[in-house]
Protein backbone atom coordinates (compact mmCIF):
# COMPACT_ATOMS: atom_id res chain seq x y z
CA UNK A 1 19.96 9.31 -33.85
CA UNK A 2 16.54 8.49 -30.60
CA UNK A 3 14.11 8.82 -34.02
CA UNK A 4 16.21 6.04 -36.01
CA UNK A 5 16.31 3.62 -32.71
CA UNK A 6 12.06 4.71 -31.91
CA UNK A 7 11.05 4.41 -35.24
CA UNK A 8 12.83 1.14 -35.59
CA UNK A 9 11.41 -0.67 -32.43
CA UNK A 10 7.73 0.87 -33.83
CA UNK A 11 8.54 -0.50 -36.62
CA UNK A 12 9.57 -3.89 -35.53
CA UNK A 13 6.38 -4.10 -33.10
CA UNK A 14 4.06 -3.71 -35.87
CA UNK A 15 5.38 -6.04 -38.00
CA UNK A 16 5.51 -8.87 -34.92
CA UNK A 17 1.89 -7.93 -34.35
CA UNK A 18 0.64 -7.99 -37.79
CA UNK A 19 2.26 -11.60 -38.29
CA UNK A 20 0.67 -15.19 -36.61
CA UNK A 21 1.00 -15.56 -32.71
CA UNK A 22 3.72 -17.12 -31.60
CA UNK A 23 6.58 -16.72 -34.05
CA UNK A 24 9.74 -17.26 -34.06
CA UNK A 25 12.19 -14.26 -35.43
CA UNK A 26 15.70 -14.05 -36.29
CA UNK A 27 17.98 -11.81 -37.36
CA UNK A 28 21.01 -12.53 -40.15
CA UNK A 29 24.60 -10.74 -40.61
CA UNK A 30 23.10 -8.43 -42.68
CA UNK A 31 20.77 -6.83 -40.31
CA UNK A 32 17.76 -8.60 -41.68
CA UNK A 33 14.93 -9.89 -39.41
CA UNK A 34 13.08 -12.81 -40.69
CA UNK A 35 10.57 -15.78 -39.98
CA UNK A 36 10.92 -19.52 -40.64
CA UNK A 37 7.00 -19.78 -40.13
CA UNK A 38 6.65 -18.64 -44.32
CA UNK A 39 7.80 -21.65 -46.94
CA UNK A 40 10.42 -18.91 -48.06
CA UNK A 41 11.04 -17.08 -44.67
CA UNK A 42 9.05 -13.89 -44.76
CA UNK A 43 12.21 -10.79 -44.38
CA UNK A 44 11.57 -7.47 -42.68
CA UNK A 45 14.48 -5.46 -43.89
CA UNK A 46 15.68 -1.74 -43.24
CA UNK A 47 18.03 -0.58 -45.50
CA UNK A 48 18.52 2.87 -43.91
CA UNK A 49 19.40 1.32 -40.31
CA UNK A 50 19.80 -2.50 -40.17
CA UNK A 51 18.78 -3.58 -37.08
CA UNK A 52 21.70 -5.73 -35.11
CA UNK A 53 21.84 -7.73 -32.12
CA UNK A 54 24.06 -10.41 -30.26
CA UNK A 55 21.42 -12.74 -29.56
CA UNK A 56 20.68 -15.45 -32.38
CA UNK A 57 16.56 -16.09 -31.82
CA UNK A 58 14.05 -13.58 -30.52
CA UNK A 59 10.41 -14.77 -29.30
CA UNK A 60 7.53 -12.45 -28.62
CA UNK A 61 4.65 -13.09 -26.53
CA UNK A 62 2.04 -11.55 -24.74
CA UNK A 63 -0.46 -12.54 -22.19
CA UNK A 64 -3.72 -9.82 -21.49
CA UNK A 65 -6.34 -10.01 -19.59
CA UNK A 66 -9.41 -7.64 -19.88
CA UNK A 67 -12.74 -7.62 -18.18
CA UNK A 68 -16.28 -5.41 -16.63
CA UNK A 69 -15.96 -6.11 -13.17
CA UNK A 70 -18.87 -4.65 -11.00
CA UNK A 71 -17.99 -5.14 -6.91
CA UNK A 72 -20.80 -3.94 -4.62
CA UNK A 73 -19.19 -4.54 -0.27
CA UNK A 74 -21.54 -5.24 1.91
CA UNK A 75 -23.47 -2.52 4.25
CA UNK A 76 -22.63 -4.16 7.34
CA UNK A 77 -22.13 -2.40 11.03
CA UNK A 78 -18.23 -2.52 11.26
CA UNK A 79 -16.44 -2.30 14.34
CA UNK A 80 -16.59 1.97 14.71
CA UNK A 81 -20.56 0.96 15.16
CA UNK A 82 -23.61 2.48 13.10
CA UNK A 83 -24.39 1.29 9.39
CA UNK A 84 -21.34 2.32 7.29
CA UNK A 85 -23.20 3.75 4.25
CA UNK A 86 -19.42 4.11 2.72
CA UNK A 87 -19.60 0.24 2.22
CA UNK A 88 -22.25 0.36 -0.12
CA UNK A 89 -20.97 2.32 -2.68
CA UNK A 90 -20.99 -0.72 -5.93
CA UNK A 91 -18.01 0.19 -8.11
CA UNK A 92 -18.53 -0.79 -12.23
CA UNK A 93 -15.93 -0.51 -14.80
CA UNK A 94 -13.46 -1.82 -17.50
CA UNK A 95 -10.43 -3.38 -16.21
CA UNK A 96 -6.79 -4.00 -17.94
CA UNK A 97 -5.72 -6.08 -15.35
CA UNK A 98 -3.02 -7.51 -17.12
CA UNK A 99 -1.11 -6.77 -20.07
CA UNK A 100 2.12 -8.60 -20.32
CA UNK A 101 4.27 -8.25 -23.66
CA UNK A 102 7.43 -10.01 -23.48
CA UNK A 103 10.47 -11.00 -25.87
CA UNK A 104 13.56 -13.50 -24.93
CA UNK A 105 16.54 -13.24 -26.79
CA UNK A 106 18.20 -16.24 -27.26
CA UNK A 107 21.67 -16.83 -27.35
CA UNK A 108 21.62 -21.18 -28.02
CA UNK A 109 19.08 -23.45 -27.68
CA UNK A 110 18.34 -23.08 -24.02
CA UNK A 111 19.95 -19.89 -22.10
CA UNK A 112 18.18 -16.74 -22.98
CA UNK A 113 17.50 -13.36 -21.95
CA UNK A 114 13.85 -12.65 -20.79
CA UNK A 115 12.10 -8.91 -20.55
CA UNK A 116 8.34 -8.74 -19.37
CA UNK A 117 6.56 -5.20 -19.41
CA UNK A 118 3.78 -4.96 -18.09
CA UNK A 119 0.65 -2.21 -17.67
CA UNK A 120 -2.74 -2.94 -15.51
CA UNK A 121 -5.54 -0.48 -14.56
CA UNK A 122 -8.03 -1.66 -12.18
CA UNK A 123 -11.07 -0.62 -10.23
CA UNK A 124 -8.60 -0.84 -7.17
CA UNK A 125 -5.74 1.36 -8.61
CA UNK A 126 -5.41 4.78 -8.18
CA UNK A 127 -2.42 4.53 -11.39
CA UNK A 128 -2.96 5.52 -14.54
CA UNK A 129 -2.28 3.68 -18.08
CA UNK A 130 1.04 4.96 -18.65
CA UNK A 131 3.17 3.24 -15.53
CA UNK A 132 4.46 0.78 -17.26
CA UNK A 133 6.46 -1.25 -15.54
CA UNK A 134 8.85 -4.64 -15.83
CA UNK A 135 7.53 -7.34 -14.14
CA UNK A 136 10.26 -9.62 -15.38
CA UNK A 137 13.60 -8.87 -15.95
CA UNK A 138 16.12 -11.67 -15.85
CA UNK A 139 18.77 -14.10 -17.37
CA UNK A 140 18.26 -17.86 -17.53
CA UNK A 141 21.08 -19.97 -17.76
CA UNK A 142 20.52 -24.14 -18.19
CA UNK A 143 22.07 -26.60 -16.14
CA UNK A 144 24.44 -24.82 -13.93
CA UNK A 145 23.99 -27.53 -11.76
CA UNK A 146 22.57 -30.98 -12.51
CA UNK A 147 19.18 -30.58 -13.79
CA UNK A 148 19.26 -27.32 -12.44
CA UNK A 149 19.12 -23.77 -14.48
CA UNK A 150 18.79 -20.19 -12.75
CA UNK A 151 17.09 -17.64 -13.30
CA UNK A 152 19.27 -13.81 -12.19
CA UNK A 153 17.51 -10.42 -11.77
CA UNK A 154 13.79 -9.81 -11.40
CA UNK A 155 12.84 -13.29 -11.32
CA UNK A 156 9.86 -15.80 -10.51
CA UNK A 157 9.46 -16.50 -6.81
CA UNK A 158 9.37 -20.23 -5.74
CA UNK A 159 5.48 -20.66 -5.21
CA UNK A 160 3.09 -18.39 -7.62
CA UNK A 161 4.16 -19.09 -10.96
CA UNK A 162 3.88 -22.50 -10.03
CA UNK A 163 0.34 -22.99 -8.55
CA UNK A 164 -1.20 -20.76 -11.49
CA UNK A 165 0.68 -22.75 -13.74
CA UNK A 166 -0.40 -26.31 -12.32
CA UNK A 167 -3.46 -25.60 -9.79
CA UNK A 168 -4.83 -22.56 -10.26
CA UNK A 169 -5.31 -21.42 -13.93
CA UNK A 170 -7.57 -17.97 -13.53
CA UNK A 171 -5.23 -15.45 -12.64
CA UNK A 172 -7.38 -13.54 -14.90
CA UNK A 173 -10.33 -12.82 -12.53
CA UNK A 174 -8.68 -13.81 -8.92
CA UNK A 175 -4.64 -14.22 -7.20
CA UNK A 176 -4.01 -17.39 -5.68
CA UNK A 177 -4.74 -17.23 -1.75
CA UNK A 178 -1.32 -15.86 -0.69
CA UNK A 179 -0.72 -13.29 -2.92
CA UNK A 180 -4.82 -11.64 -2.90
CA UNK A 181 -4.84 -8.11 -0.61
CA UNK A 182 -7.67 -5.75 0.88
CA UNK A 183 -8.77 -3.94 -2.34
CA UNK A 184 -12.24 -3.25 -3.98
CA UNK A 185 -12.32 -6.55 -5.54
CA UNK A 186 -10.25 -8.97 -3.32
CA UNK A 187 -9.59 -9.23 0.50
CA UNK A 188 -6.93 -12.05 1.83
CA UNK A 189 -3.87 -12.89 4.10
CA UNK A 190 -1.16 -10.92 1.19
CA UNK A 191 1.75 -12.77 1.80
CA UNK A 192 3.61 -12.88 -1.13
CA UNK A 193 4.02 -11.60 -4.26
CA UNK A 194 4.86 -13.37 -8.13
CA UNK A 195 8.22 -11.66 -8.64
CA UNK A 196 11.96 -10.18 -6.75
CA UNK A 197 14.88 -8.94 -7.19
CA UNK A 198 17.40 -12.04 -6.51
CA UNK A 199 18.38 -15.38 -7.83
CA UNK A 200 16.42 -18.13 -8.30
CA UNK A 201 17.53 -21.88 -9.23
CA UNK A 202 15.11 -24.44 -10.96
CA UNK A 203 15.34 -28.30 -10.57
CA UNK A 204 13.44 -30.17 -12.43
CA UNK A 205 13.54 -34.21 -12.74
CA UNK A 206 10.58 -36.84 -13.90
CA UNK A 207 9.93 -37.02 -10.32
CA UNK A 208 11.14 -33.88 -8.31
CA UNK A 209 11.09 -30.29 -8.78
CA UNK A 210 11.96 -27.70 -6.77
CA UNK A 211 12.75 -23.94 -6.61
CA UNK A 212 14.90 -22.13 -4.47
CA UNK A 213 16.11 -18.42 -4.58
CA UNK A 214 17.26 -15.52 -2.23
CA UNK A 215 15.63 -12.02 -3.20
CA UNK A 216 15.73 -8.83 -1.90
CA UNK A 217 12.37 -9.57 -0.11
CA UNK A 218 10.23 -6.40 -0.97
CA UNK A 219 8.64 -7.74 -4.57
CA UNK A 220 8.47 -6.10 -7.86
CA UNK A 221 6.71 -3.70 -6.34
CA UNK A 222 8.99 -1.34 -4.52
CA UNK A 223 6.44 1.54 -3.06
CA UNK A 224 4.36 -1.12 -1.25
CA UNK A 225 4.87 -2.26 2.03
CA UNK A 226 6.78 -5.68 2.53
CA UNK A 227 8.66 -7.95 4.80
CA UNK A 228 11.85 -5.76 3.68
CA UNK A 229 12.39 -2.50 2.56
CA UNK A 230 14.56 0.37 2.73
CA UNK A 231 16.47 -0.79 6.54
CA UNK A 232 17.44 -4.27 5.01
CA UNK A 233 19.52 -6.24 7.22
CA UNK A 234 19.33 -9.74 5.19
CA UNK A 235 17.84 -11.17 2.19
CA UNK A 236 14.89 -13.00 2.00
CA UNK A 237 14.68 -17.08 1.23
CA UNK A 238 12.05 -18.52 -0.19
CA UNK A 239 11.37 -22.43 -1.45
CA UNK A 240 9.06 -25.04 -3.33
CA UNK A 241 9.51 -28.86 -2.92
CA UNK A 242 7.45 -30.72 -5.49
CA UNK A 243 7.22 -34.72 -5.95
CA UNK A 244 5.78 -35.80 -8.78
CA UNK A 245 3.61 -39.08 -8.49
CA UNK A 246 2.09 -39.04 -11.20
CA UNK A 247 3.27 -37.26 -14.49
CA UNK A 248 6.92 -36.08 -15.91
CA UNK A 249 8.28 -33.52 -13.12
CA UNK A 250 10.23 -31.97 -16.48
CA UNK A 251 7.14 -31.03 -17.58
CA UNK A 252 5.65 -29.65 -14.53
CA UNK A 253 3.58 -26.02 -15.98
CA UNK A 254 3.50 -26.93 -19.52
CA UNK A 255 0.87 -29.91 -19.49
CA UNK A 256 -2.11 -30.13 -21.38
CA UNK A 257 -4.66 -30.49 -18.27
CA UNK A 258 -7.63 -31.48 -20.72
CA UNK A 259 -5.54 -34.11 -21.75
CA UNK A 260 -2.74 -35.21 -19.30
CA UNK A 261 -3.22 -37.26 -15.94
CA UNK A 262 -0.67 -35.84 -13.43
CA UNK A 263 -0.74 -35.88 -9.26
CA UNK A 264 1.56 -33.48 -6.99
CA UNK A 265 2.46 -32.70 -3.87
CA UNK A 266 4.21 -29.85 -3.15
CA UNK A 267 5.59 -27.78 0.37
CA UNK A 268 6.90 -24.52 0.28
CA UNK A 269 7.93 -21.47 2.25
CA UNK A 270 9.46 -18.29 2.68
CA UNK A 271 11.61 -16.79 6.16
CA UNK A 272 12.39 -13.15 5.56
CA UNK A 273 14.25 -11.84 8.99
CA UNK A 274 16.29 -9.54 10.33
CA UNK A 275 14.24 -6.36 8.20
CA UNK A 276 12.22 -4.04 10.54
CA UNK A 277 14.56 -1.23 11.84
CA UNK A 278 13.92 -1.46 15.54
CA UNK A 279 15.41 2.47 16.21
CA UNK A 280 12.69 3.51 14.01
CA UNK A 281 10.15 5.96 16.28
CA UNK A 282 6.58 6.51 16.05
CA UNK A 283 7.02 9.98 14.72
CA UNK A 284 8.96 9.06 11.93
CA UNK A 285 6.49 6.51 10.73
CA UNK A 286 3.86 8.69 10.69
CA UNK A 287 6.05 11.43 8.73
CA UNK A 288 6.43 9.33 6.32
CA UNK A 289 10.43 9.39 7.08
CA UNK A 290 10.30 5.51 7.92
CA UNK A 291 8.06 2.68 6.62
CA UNK A 292 6.75 0.57 9.33
CA UNK A 293 8.63 -2.93 8.82
CA UNK A 294 8.16 -6.27 9.65
CA UNK A 295 10.06 -9.72 8.98
CA UNK A 296 7.74 -12.54 7.80
CA UNK A 297 8.33 -16.14 7.52
CA UNK A 298 5.44 -18.83 6.23
CA UNK A 299 5.40 -22.65 5.37
CA UNK A 300 2.83 -24.38 3.28
CA UNK A 301 1.98 -27.40 1.92
CA UNK A 302 -0.40 -28.41 -0.98
CA UNK A 303 -1.60 -31.22 -3.73
CA UNK A 304 -3.05 -31.11 -6.98
CA UNK A 305 -4.47 -34.10 -9.01
CA UNK A 306 -5.82 -33.31 -12.81
CA UNK A 307 -6.93 -35.76 -15.14
CA UNK A 308 -8.84 -34.90 -18.47
CA UNK A 309 -12.46 -34.54 -16.97
CA UNK A 310 -11.55 -32.51 -13.95
CA UNK A 311 -8.80 -30.86 -11.78
CA UNK A 312 -8.76 -30.72 -7.22
CA UNK A 313 -6.31 -29.11 -5.48
CA UNK A 314 -5.96 -28.09 -2.23
CA UNK A 315 -3.62 -25.84 0.52
CA UNK A 316 -2.88 -25.50 3.75
CA UNK A 317 -0.69 -22.63 5.31
CA UNK A 318 0.77 -20.86 8.55
CA UNK A 319 2.74 -17.53 8.61
CA UNK A 320 3.81 -14.90 11.17
CA UNK A 321 4.69 -11.54 11.30
CA UNK A 322 7.35 -9.93 13.59
CA UNK A 323 6.25 -5.99 13.92
CA UNK A 324 9.33 -3.72 15.09
CA UNK A 325 9.95 -3.56 18.45
CA UNK A 326 9.97 -0.12 19.32
CA UNK A 327 6.91 0.33 17.66
CA UNK A 328 5.24 -2.49 18.98
CA UNK A 329 4.98 -0.69 22.26
CA UNK A 330 2.22 1.89 20.84
CA UNK A 331 0.87 0.18 18.04
CA UNK A 332 -2.13 -1.75 18.13
CA UNK A 333 0.33 -5.54 17.33
CA UNK A 334 3.62 -6.90 17.69
CA UNK A 335 3.03 -9.95 16.55
CA UNK A 336 0.47 -11.22 13.88
CA UNK A 337 0.28 -14.95 12.96
CA UNK A 338 -2.12 -16.44 10.02
CA UNK A 339 -3.81 -19.60 9.33
CA UNK A 340 -5.28 -20.01 6.03
CA UNK A 341 -6.97 -22.95 4.04
CA UNK A 342 -8.07 -23.10 0.33
CA UNK A 343 -9.88 -25.63 -1.88
CA UNK A 344 -10.17 -25.18 -5.73
CA UNK A 345 -11.71 -27.53 -9.02
CA UNK A 346 -12.47 -27.52 -12.37
CA UNK A 347 -15.36 -29.96 -14.10
CA UNK A 348 -15.13 -30.19 -17.86
CA UNK A 349 -18.43 -31.62 -18.95
CA UNK A 350 -17.71 -31.15 -22.70
CA UNK A 351 -15.36 -29.58 -24.76
CA UNK A 352 -14.27 -26.16 -24.53
CA UNK A 353 -16.10 -25.69 -21.39
CA UNK A 354 -15.34 -25.83 -17.66
CA UNK A 355 -17.09 -25.02 -14.25
CA UNK A 356 -14.66 -23.29 -11.87
CA UNK A 357 -15.03 -23.41 -8.33
CA UNK A 358 -12.76 -22.36 -5.47
CA UNK A 359 -13.55 -21.54 -1.63
CA UNK A 360 -10.74 -19.75 0.86
CA UNK A 361 -10.89 -19.61 4.51
CA UNK A 362 -8.10 -17.63 6.42
CA UNK A 363 -7.53 -16.06 10.28
CA UNK A 364 -4.98 -12.86 11.16
CA UNK A 365 -4.64 -12.91 15.49
CA UNK A 366 -3.06 -9.91 16.65
CA UNK A 367 -1.43 -9.61 19.96
CA UNK A 368 0.46 -7.22 21.98
CA UNK A 369 4.18 -6.85 23.25
CA UNK A 370 2.57 -7.46 27.42
CA UNK A 371 1.74 -10.78 27.88
CA UNK A 372 0.72 -12.10 24.27
CA UNK A 373 -2.81 -10.66 24.99
CA UNK A 374 -5.16 -10.69 21.83
CA UNK A 375 -5.58 -7.15 20.60
CA UNK A 376 -7.63 -8.37 17.28
CA UNK A 377 -8.41 -11.28 15.38
CA UNK A 378 -9.61 -11.22 11.15
CA UNK A 379 -11.98 -14.31 10.11
CA UNK A 380 -12.95 -14.53 6.38
CA UNK A 381 -14.24 -16.68 3.98
CA UNK A 382 -14.30 -16.50 0.03
CA UNK A 383 -16.37 -18.20 -2.41
CA UNK A 384 -15.72 -17.91 -6.39
CA UNK A 385 -17.58 -19.59 -8.75
CA UNK A 386 -17.45 -19.34 -12.83
CA UNK A 387 -17.84 -20.76 -16.45
CA UNK A 388 -14.99 -20.75 -18.82
CA UNK A 389 -15.42 -21.17 -22.83
CA UNK A 390 -12.53 -21.43 -25.13
CA UNK A 391 -12.77 -20.17 -28.25
CA UNK A 392 -9.72 -21.04 -29.84
CA UNK A 393 -5.87 -21.94 -28.31
CA UNK A 394 -5.45 -17.58 -27.89
CA UNK A 395 -8.58 -16.97 -26.81
CA UNK A 396 -11.10 -17.76 -23.99
CA UNK A 397 -14.08 -15.92 -21.97
CA UNK A 398 -15.23 -15.94 -18.43
CA UNK A 399 -17.91 -15.02 -16.33
CA UNK A 400 -17.66 -15.66 -12.54
CA UNK A 401 -18.80 -14.44 -8.93
CA UNK A 402 -16.91 -13.66 -5.69
CA UNK A 403 -18.62 -13.72 -2.88
CA UNK A 404 -16.24 -12.39 0.22
CA UNK A 405 -17.42 -12.36 3.86
CA UNK A 406 -14.59 -10.88 6.52
CA UNK A 407 -15.70 -10.38 10.04
CA UNK A 408 -13.03 -8.63 12.59
CA UNK A 409 -13.44 -8.84 16.82
CA UNK A 410 -11.50 -6.38 19.08
CA UNK A 411 -10.43 -7.18 22.12
CA UNK A 412 -13.84 -8.55 24.17
CA UNK A 413 -15.98 -7.53 21.37
CA UNK A 414 -17.73 -10.04 19.59
CA UNK A 415 -17.29 -10.23 15.38
CA UNK A 416 -18.05 -6.90 13.27
CA UNK A 417 -17.87 -6.47 9.59
CA UNK A 418 -14.19 -5.46 8.52
CA UNK A 419 -14.43 -3.15 5.55
CA UNK A 420 -13.89 -5.88 3.29
CA UNK A 421 -16.81 -7.96 2.73
CA UNK A 422 -18.20 -8.01 -0.74
CA UNK A 423 -19.75 -9.42 -3.86
CA UNK A 424 -17.72 -8.83 -7.01
CA UNK A 425 -18.68 -9.98 -10.63
CA UNK A 426 -16.23 -10.47 -13.80
CA UNK A 427 -17.04 -10.89 -17.10
CA UNK A 428 -13.10 -11.94 -18.51
CA UNK A 429 -11.37 -12.25 -21.73
CA UNK A 430 -8.22 -13.53 -22.15
CA UNK A 431 -6.18 -13.38 -24.67
CA UNK A 432 -2.69 -15.13 -25.14
CA UNK A 433 -0.67 -15.44 -28.47
C-alpha cells in the first residue's frame, strides 16, 4: 500500500512539472485530476489507484534560488590580538539558497490549507541536501473578523514577509536586516526569522493593513537559540501596522512594482517575555542540559515609496535582550541593546533591468549586572550593490557584491575586527512558477 501511495504522489509530481507553470488542478468524483488551462481539459487518470481528496482545488507553485558565491573574510587584527589568518580563507561554491515547493488545497474560493517544504544548502550551512523541513504549514480562514483573515499553524511572522514583498525583493542573495546573522556570507543583528508556530491575524483595507500574531517564539528552526525555547513561560506577541498613503492596501504584496505607484508607512514590533529559565546554572548550559536563553523585545518604523522608475525604502529599529539572571553574574553580559537602520533602493533605467543598492548600520551594546557597566560593543556596516535582469516572469538573473565591516570594542580597549568583516560576491538565478 505504501508503494502505491508513493507511486501516486510521484506520478502527480512528474505530471505537474511537465505542464505550464501556475496551472490549477482539480479532482472530480471519479478520482481524475485535471486542469482547465487547455481547451479540452487535460486529464491525469490512474485507473488502478484513483486519487481522492476532500479539497476541491489544488494549486502548485515553487520558488528556487540557486547561486555561485565567493566569500572572503577580512584579514584584520582581532580582539584577541595578532593577525587572524583564519579569517582570510575564501569560501567559494554553488548554493541552493531556497528550494520552495508549495501546495495549497482550497476548500472554497478563499479558505485553504498551505504546505511549503524547503531545502537549502549554503556555504554557511553544515547540513546535507536531505534535510527537508516544513517552512509553512497552516490553515487560512478568510473573514474570521471584518476585513480580517487568520493563519493557524506554522505561519508567517508579521514583519519579514511584508518587507520582502513590498520593499526588499532580493531574499535570493540577502535577507532583510532583522533576519541577518553571523555566517560565512552574512553579519547582522539576527532579531527574528520569518515563520513560527502560532496564529496570525491579517487585516486588509484600502488605507490600512495589519498583522497581529501570537507565537511560541522560537521560530521554525527549533534547534536554534531564540527568544523562547524549552523553558517557555509565555508566548511571543508580534505585530505590523501599515498606513497606505498611495495605492490600495488590499493589493499589499501583490503590486507589480514596474507599473504601480505606492507609499506605505509601517510600525512593527515584538514582545517576548518570561521565557528565560532563571534557575539555570552555568554548568547546565555548558554541558548542554539547558540552553542559554533570554527575553527579547524590539520596535521599528519603516517607510517605502515606489513608482515604475524606482523604489526607495528605509527603516529604524531598537531592540533589547535580557539574559538569564543566574548566568548574568558570571557571563559577559546581562543585557544587550540593539540599534539599527537600513536604506535600500532600486532604479530601473530600461525595461527588465534593475540597479539595486542597500546600506545597513547596526550596534549591539552589552552591559553587566553590576552598575550597568559596558562590557563590549559591536558596530557594523554593510554596503550591497547589485544588477538584476528579468528574463521573463519566471526567471531572473542577478549579480551582486556585499561589503561588511564589523568592529568590536571590549571594555576600555579600542575597536578590533569582530571576525565578521567580509566581502561576498554572488551570481544568482531566481526561478518562480
